[in-house]
Amino acid sequence: MARVSADGQWVAGLFWERTTHISDHHPADCLHAIVNLGPIAPGAQRAIRGKIYWAKMTKEEMRDRWLKDFPAGNSRQQ
């Protein structure tokens, strides 16, 4: 999910593996990711990958960066 500033110069976005959903609260400038960690036994550990993007770029530039950062996770979304 991505949000762009009113002037179109800044973009913020989120991506997490195994995300169940991502939402925003329009018109507030916020993003929320609900990450599915699955069943975990007491004392066990699990790692997931994710990234928060916040930069002066276009939505298209952020998408291109995301495609490079997570090539295995986005092949079905291209």
C-alpha atoms as a PDB file:
ATOM      1  CA  MET A   1       0.000   0.000   0.000  1.00  0.00           C
ATOM      2  CA  ALA A   2       1.238   3.482  -0.752  1.00  0.00           C
ATOM      3  CA  ARG A   3       0.149   7.032  -0.066  1.00  0.00           C
ATOM      4  CA  VAL A   4       1.341  10.101  -1.936  1.00  0.00           C
ATOM      5  CA  SER A   5       1.639  13.629  -0.565  1.00  0.00           C
ATOM      6  CA  ALA A   6      -0.801  16.250  -1.829  1.00  0.00           C
ATOM      7  CA  ASP A   7       1.931  17.821  -3.967  1.00  0.00           C
ATOM      8  CA  GLY A   8       2.825  14.406  -5.454  1.00  0.00           C
ATOM      9  CA  GLN A   9       6.488  14.607  -4.449  1.00  0.00           C
ATOM     10  CA  TRP A  10       6.629  12.239  -1.445  1.00  0.00           C
ATOM     11  CA  VAL A  11       5.455   8.660  -1.141  1.00  0.00           C
ATOM     12  CA  ALA A  12       5.044   6.394   1.876  1.00  0.00           C
ATOM     13  CA  GLY A  13       4.423   2.672   1.593  1.00  0.00           C
ATOM     14  CA  LEU A  14       4.427  -0.620   3.498  1.00  0.00           C
ATOM     15  CA  PHE A  15       5.122  -4.212   2.518  1.00  0.00           C
ATOM     16  CA  TRP A  16       5.350  -7.254   4.803  1.00  0.00           C
ATOM     17  CA  GLU A  17       5.522 -10.916   3.889  1.00  0.00           C
ATOM     18  CA  ARG A  18       2.429 -12.859   4.944  1.00  0.00           C
ATOM     19  CA  THR A  19       0.375  -9.697   5.400  1.00  0.00           C
ATOM     20  CA  THR A  20      -3.295 -10.417   5.982  1.00  0.00           C
ATOM     21  CA  HIS A  21      -4.302  -6.863   5.114  1.00  0.00           C
ATOM     22  CA  ILE A  22      -3.076  -3.300   4.922  1.00  0.00           C
ATOM     23  CA  SER A  23      -5.360  -0.349   5.488  1.00  0.00           C
ATOM     24  CA  ASP A  24      -5.404   3.389   5.852  1.00  0.00           C
ATOM     25  CA  HIS A  25      -7.785   5.713   7.654  1.00  0.00           C
ATOM     26  CA  HIS A  26      -8.705   8.289   5.034  1.00  0.00           C
ATOM     27  CA  PRO A  27      -8.321  11.252   5.323  1.00  0.00           C
ATOM     28  CA  ALA A  28      -5.646  10.684   8.007  1.00  0.00           C
ATOM     29  CA  ASP A  29      -2.126  10.216   6.664  1.00  0.00           C
ATOM     30  CA  CYS A  30      -1.455   6.796   8.163  1.00  0.00           C
ATOM     31  CA  LEU A  31      -0.910   3.199   7.036  1.00  0.00           C
ATOM     32  CA  HIS A  32      -1.430   0.001   9.036  1.00  0.00           C
ATOM     33  CA  ALA A  33      -0.268  -3.546   8.262  1.00  0.00           C
ATOM     34  CA  ILE A  34      -1.752  -6.581  10.006  1.00  0.00           C
ATOM     35  CA  VAL A  35       0.895  -9.290   9.703  1.00  0.00           C
ATOM     36  CA  ASN A  36      -0.006 -12.993   9.914  1.00  0.00           C
ATOM     37  CA  LEU A  37       2.703 -14.783  11.887  1.00  0.00           C
ATOM     38  CA  GLY A  38       0.775 -18.055  11.914  1.00  0.00           C
ATOM     39  CA  PRO A  39       0.781 -20.554  14.779  1.00  0.00           C
ATOM     40  CA  ILE A  40       3.907 -20.273  16.926  1.00  0.00           C
ATOM     41  CA  ALA A  41       4.683 -22.606  19.812  1.00  0.00           C
ATOM     42  CA  PRO A  42       5.537 -21.043  23.191  1.00  0.00           C
ATOM     43  CA  GLY A  43       9.176 -19.925  23.164  1.00  0.00           C
ATOM     44  CA  ALA A  44       9.499 -20.388  19.389  1.00  0.00           C
ATOM     45  CA  GLN A  45      10.707 -17.675  17.017  1.00  0.00           C
ATOM     46  CA  ARG A  46       9.738 -16.702  13.490  1.00  0.00           C
ATOM     47  CA  ALA A  47      11.202 -14.051  11.216  1.00  0.00           C
ATOM     48  CA  ILE A  48       9.425 -12.217   8.416  1.00  0.00           C
ATOM     49  CA  ARG A  49      10.663  -9.607   5.985  1.00  0.00           C
ATOM     50  CA  GLY A  50       9.101  -6.251   5.418  1.00  0.00           C
ATOM     51  CA  LYS A  51       9.912  -2.702   4.571  1.00  0.00           C
ATOM     52  CA  ILE A  52       8.630   0.791   5.180  1.00  0.00           C
ATOM     53  CA  TYR A  53       9.180   3.184   2.282  1.00  0.00           C
ATOM     54  CA  TRP A  54       9.155   6.944   2.848  1.00  0.00           C
ATOM     55  CA  ALA A  55      11.006   8.975   0.281  1.00  0.00           C
ATOM     56  CA  LYS A  56      10.831  11.799  -2.205  1.00  0.00           C
ATOM     57  CA  MET A  57       9.850   9.797  -5.286  1.00  0.00           C
ATOM     58  CA  THR A  58       6.850   8.920  -7.429  1.00  0.00           C
ATOM     59  CA  LYS A  59       4.549   5.935  -6.941  1.00  0.00           C
ATOM     60  CA  GLU A  60       6.117   4.358 -10.005  1.00  0.00           C
ATOM     61  CA  GLU A  61       9.641   4.778  -8.588  1.00  0.00           C
ATOM     62  CA  MET A  62       8.521   3.192  -5.322  1.00  0.00           C
ATOM     63  CA  ARG A  63       6.957   0.270  -7.204  1.00  0.00           C
ATOM     64  CA  ASP A  64      10.202  -0.274  -9.133  1.00  0.00           C
ATOM     65  CA  ARG A  65      12.187  -0.246  -5.876  1.00  0.00           C
ATOM     66  CA  TRP A  66       9.723  -2.720  -4.308  1.00  0.00           C
ATOM     67  CA  LEU A  67      10.057  -5.048  -7.316  1.00  0.00           C
ATOM     68  CA  LYS A  68      13.843  -5.065  -6.769  1.00  0.00           C
ATOM     69  CA  ASP A  69      13.580  -5.486  -2.982  1.00  0.00           C
ATOM     70  CA  PHE A  70      11.092  -8.388  -3.071  1.00  0.00           C
ATOM     71  CA  PRO A  71      11.378 -10.189  -6.429  1.00  0.00           C
ATOM     72  CA  ALA A  72      10.196 -13.583  -5.117  1.00  0.00           C
ATOM     73  CA  GLY A  73       7.161 -12.191  -3.338  1.00  0.00           C
ATOM     74  CA  ASN A  74       5.700 -10.105  -6.162  1.00  0.00           C
ATOM     75  CA  SER A  75       5.926 -12.302  -9.274  1.00  0.00           C
ATOM     76  CA  ARG A  76       2.158 -12.898  -9.340  1.00  0.00           C
ATOM     77  CA  GLN A  77       1.404  -9.183  -8.964  1.00  0.00           C
ATOM     78  CA  GLN A  78       3.282  -7.851 -12.002  1.00  0.00           C
END
